[in-house]
Amino acid sequence: PPALDWNMVCALLQSIDRSTHIGKRDYAILVLIATYGLRENEIVNLKLDDIDWRSMRLRINQHKTFKTLLLPLTEDAGKAIIEVDEAFTKPKSDGKVPGYLGLEILLNTGPKKL
C-alpha cells in the first residue's frame, strides 16, 4: 500500500491525547510504526533490554525474516517508550520491573489496572 504523506502522519500523532495512559500507549505504538515501519509482533515483543540507551540503538528481532535489526533510536521514539513505560509499568511484589514494555497486553486488552 502507498505510504501516508508525512504531514498527515504528524497530524495524526499530534491529535493523540497523551495526557491519558491509553493516549501514551497509542502514541508510542504509532511512533514506532511511523518511524521504523515495525510490524505488530515486533512491537508487542519489544523489551526494555532491546534498547541501548547509551548508544541510542533499538534492537528489533524480526519474526518474518528471523534477523535482528539494529536501528538508531530517535529522540521521539525514546521519549514515547519512556512515557508508556512510566505510565504502565508497575513493580512486581519482589520490587523488580517486568522486562517487556507491556505493549502486547495494551494492544489487545487495554491498560493494566494500576
Protein backbone atom coordinates (compact mmCIF):
# COMPACT_ATOMS: atom_id res chain seq x y z
CA PRO A 1 0.00 0.00 0.00
CA PRO A 2 1.13 3.56 -0.59
CA ALA A 3 2.65 5.45 2.31
CA LEU A 4 0.79 8.27 4.03
CA ASP A 5 2.01 11.79 3.49
CA TRP A 6 4.37 12.68 6.37
CA ASN A 7 2.31 15.80 7.19
CA MET A 8 -0.73 13.55 7.65
CA VAL A 9 1.26 11.22 9.91
CA CYS A 10 2.42 14.20 12.01
CA ALA A 11 -1.15 15.50 12.25
CA LEU A 12 -2.33 12.06 13.40
CA LEU A 13 0.39 11.88 16.06
CA GLN A 14 -0.40 15.40 17.28
CA SER A 15 -4.09 14.55 17.57
CA ILE A 16 -3.46 11.90 20.24
CA ASP A 17 -4.30 12.95 23.79
CA ARG A 18 -1.09 12.00 25.60
CA SER A 19 -2.41 13.08 29.00
CA THR A 20 -4.02 9.63 29.37
CA HIS A 21 -2.42 6.20 29.72
CA ILE A 22 -4.16 4.98 26.58
CA GLY A 23 -3.06 8.07 24.65
CA LYS A 24 0.55 7.46 25.68
CA ARG A 25 0.24 3.84 24.57
CA ASP A 26 -1.34 4.76 21.24
CA TYR A 27 1.25 7.46 20.61
CA ALA A 28 4.16 5.08 21.33
CA ILE A 29 2.75 2.40 19.04
CA LEU A 30 2.14 4.84 16.19
CA VAL A 31 5.58 6.46 16.59
CA LEU A 32 7.20 3.02 16.32
CA ILE A 33 5.14 2.18 13.24
CA ALA A 34 5.66 5.56 11.56
CA THR A 35 9.36 5.85 12.37
CA TYR A 36 10.53 2.29 11.78
CA GLY A 37 7.73 0.54 9.90
CA LEU A 38 7.52 -2.07 12.65
CA ARG A 39 5.00 -4.87 12.49
CA GLU A 40 2.59 -5.63 15.32
CA ASN A 41 4.52 -8.67 16.56
CA GLU A 42 7.76 -6.67 16.59
CA ILE A 43 6.12 -4.02 18.74
CA VAL A 44 4.45 -6.41 21.18
CA ASN A 45 7.70 -8.32 21.69
CA LEU A 46 9.76 -5.20 22.33
CA LYS A 47 11.59 -5.43 25.66
CA LEU A 48 13.40 -2.76 27.62
CA ASP A 49 16.56 -4.84 27.12
CA ASP A 50 16.19 -4.25 23.37
CA ILE A 51 17.02 -0.60 23.88
CA ASP A 52 20.62 0.52 24.29
CA TRP A 53 20.15 3.98 25.77
CA ARG A 54 23.87 4.80 25.76
CA SER A 55 24.36 4.24 22.06
CA MET A 56 20.74 5.17 21.24
CA ARG A 57 20.05 1.91 19.41
CA LEU A 58 16.91 -0.18 19.16
CA ARG A 59 17.24 -3.93 18.58
CA ILE A 60 14.34 -5.49 16.70
CA ASN A 61 14.05 -9.25 16.37
CA GLN A 62 12.20 -9.76 13.11
CA HIS A 63 9.85 -12.73 13.23
CA LYS A 64 9.24 -12.76 9.50
CA THR A 65 12.90 -12.93 8.44
CA PHE A 66 14.41 -14.23 11.72
CA LYS A 67 17.01 -11.47 11.53
CA THR A 68 17.95 -8.88 14.12
CA LEU A 69 17.91 -5.22 13.13
CA LEU A 70 19.86 -2.53 14.94
CA LEU A 71 18.17 0.80 14.36
CA PRO A 72 19.02 4.28 15.60
CA LEU A 73 16.70 5.24 18.43
CA THR A 74 15.15 8.58 17.60
CA GLU A 75 14.50 11.11 20.33
CA ASP A 76 10.73 10.95 19.69
CA ALA A 77 10.64 7.16 19.87
CA GLY A 78 12.77 7.13 23.02
CA LYS A 79 10.55 9.64 24.77
CA ALA A 80 7.40 7.77 23.73
CA ILE A 81 8.80 4.50 25.09
CA ILE A 82 9.75 6.15 28.37
CA GLU A 83 6.27 7.68 28.72
CA VAL A 84 4.48 4.38 28.14
CA ASP A 85 6.88 2.54 30.43
CA GLU A 86 6.32 5.06 33.24
CA ALA A 87 2.55 5.03 32.71
CA PHE A 88 2.04 1.26 32.70
CA THR A 89 4.96 -0.44 34.43
CA LYS A 90 4.34 -1.36 38.00
CA PRO A 91 6.97 -3.20 40.05
CA LYS A 92 6.18 -6.79 40.96
CA SER A 93 5.92 -7.84 44.58
CA ASP A 94 9.67 -8.54 44.57
CA GLY A 95 10.34 -4.93 43.54
CA LYS A 96 11.53 -5.84 40.05
CA VAL A 97 10.01 -4.30 36.97
CA PRO A 98 8.95 -6.64 34.15
CA GLY A 99 11.26 -6.62 31.11
CA TYR A 100 8.58 -6.23 28.45
CA LEU A 101 7.08 -2.83 27.81
CA GLY A 102 3.65 -4.42 28.12
CA LEU A 103 2.51 -3.38 24.66
CA GLU A 104 1.33 -6.95 23.98
CA ILE A 105 -1.23 -6.56 26.76
CA LEU A 106 -2.07 -2.99 25.84
CA LEU A 107 -2.72 -3.75 22.18
CA ASN A 108 -5.29 -6.41 23.00
CA THR A 109 -6.88 -5.61 26.33
CA GLY A 110 -6.24 -2.01 27.27
CA PRO A 111 -4.14 -0.68 30.12
CA LYS A 112 -3.08 -2.63 33.15
CA LYS A 113 -5.00 -1.87 36.32
CA LEU A 114 -2.86 0.39 38.46
